[in-house]
Amino acid sequence: MNWIYWGKLYDSKFQANCLKMRIEHDWWLMGRHTPQMVEVFKVKSGKYGVRFSWEA
């Protein structure tokens, strides 16, 4: 599976989850296909990121 990583890390899981939900629900408003998988991940520094993929 090929992941696309969002270009910013967030200090809290809440901030990353807000972006995750925005990707899942708002992309169709802009005329784009919604990714198959969107997930929040944690890096060693303790920050959170978002990645997504169109492959299932």
Protein backbone atom coordinates (compact mmCIF):
# COMPACT_ATOMS: atom_id res chain seq x y z
CA MET A 1 0.00 0.00 0.00
CA ASN A 2 1.33 3.43 -0.92
CA TRP A 3 0.76 6.09 1.73
CA ILE A 4 0.61 9.83 1.15
CA TYR A 5 1.70 11.77 4.23
CA TRP A 6 0.25 15.14 5.16
CA GLY A 7 3.08 17.68 5.31
CA LYS A 8 2.58 18.77 8.92
CA LEU A 9 2.85 17.15 12.34
CA TYR A 10 0.49 18.16 15.15
CA ASP A 11 1.10 18.47 18.89
CA SER A 12 -2.13 16.71 19.88
CA LYS A 13 -4.04 13.70 18.64
CA PHE A 14 -7.18 15.85 18.63
CA GLN A 15 -5.71 18.20 16.01
CA ALA A 16 -4.67 15.28 13.81
CA ASN A 17 -8.12 13.67 14.16
CA CYS A 18 -9.77 16.93 13.08
CA LEU A 19 -7.72 16.87 9.87
CA LYS A 20 -8.51 13.17 9.40
CA MET A 21 -12.24 13.82 9.62
CA ARG A 22 -11.93 16.79 7.27
CA ILE A 23 -10.16 14.62 4.69
CA GLU A 24 -12.79 11.88 5.04
CA HIS A 25 -15.83 14.15 4.81
CA ASP A 26 -14.93 17.34 2.95
CA TRP A 27 -13.00 16.16 -0.09
CA TRP A 28 -16.16 15.18 -1.94
CA LEU A 29 -17.34 18.81 -1.66
CA MET A 30 -14.32 19.88 -3.71
CA GLY A 31 -15.09 17.34 -6.44
CA ARG A 32 -12.36 14.89 -5.44
CA HIS A 33 -12.56 11.23 -4.62
CA THR A 34 -12.29 10.37 -0.92
CA PRO A 35 -9.28 8.20 0.03
CA GLN A 36 -9.98 4.58 0.92
CA MET A 37 -8.00 4.75 4.17
CA VAL A 38 -7.12 7.69 6.39
CA GLU A 39 -5.27 7.22 9.67
CA VAL A 40 -3.55 9.12 12.45
CA PHE A 41 -0.08 7.96 13.46
CA LYS A 42 2.38 8.93 16.18
CA VAL A 43 6.07 9.63 15.56
CA LYS A 44 8.96 9.10 17.99
CA SER A 45 8.96 12.76 19.02
CA GLY A 46 5.41 12.37 20.38
CA LYS A 47 3.72 14.37 17.65
CA TYR A 48 0.91 13.11 15.44
CA GLY A 49 0.57 12.97 11.69
CA VAL A 50 -2.07 11.98 9.14
CA ARG A 51 -1.60 9.69 6.17
CA PHE A 52 -4.00 8.44 3.54
CA SER A 53 -4.19 6.05 0.62
CA TRP A 54 -6.53 5.41 -2.27
CA GLU A 55 -5.66 1.70 -2.34
CA ALA A 56 -7.59 -0.68 -0.12
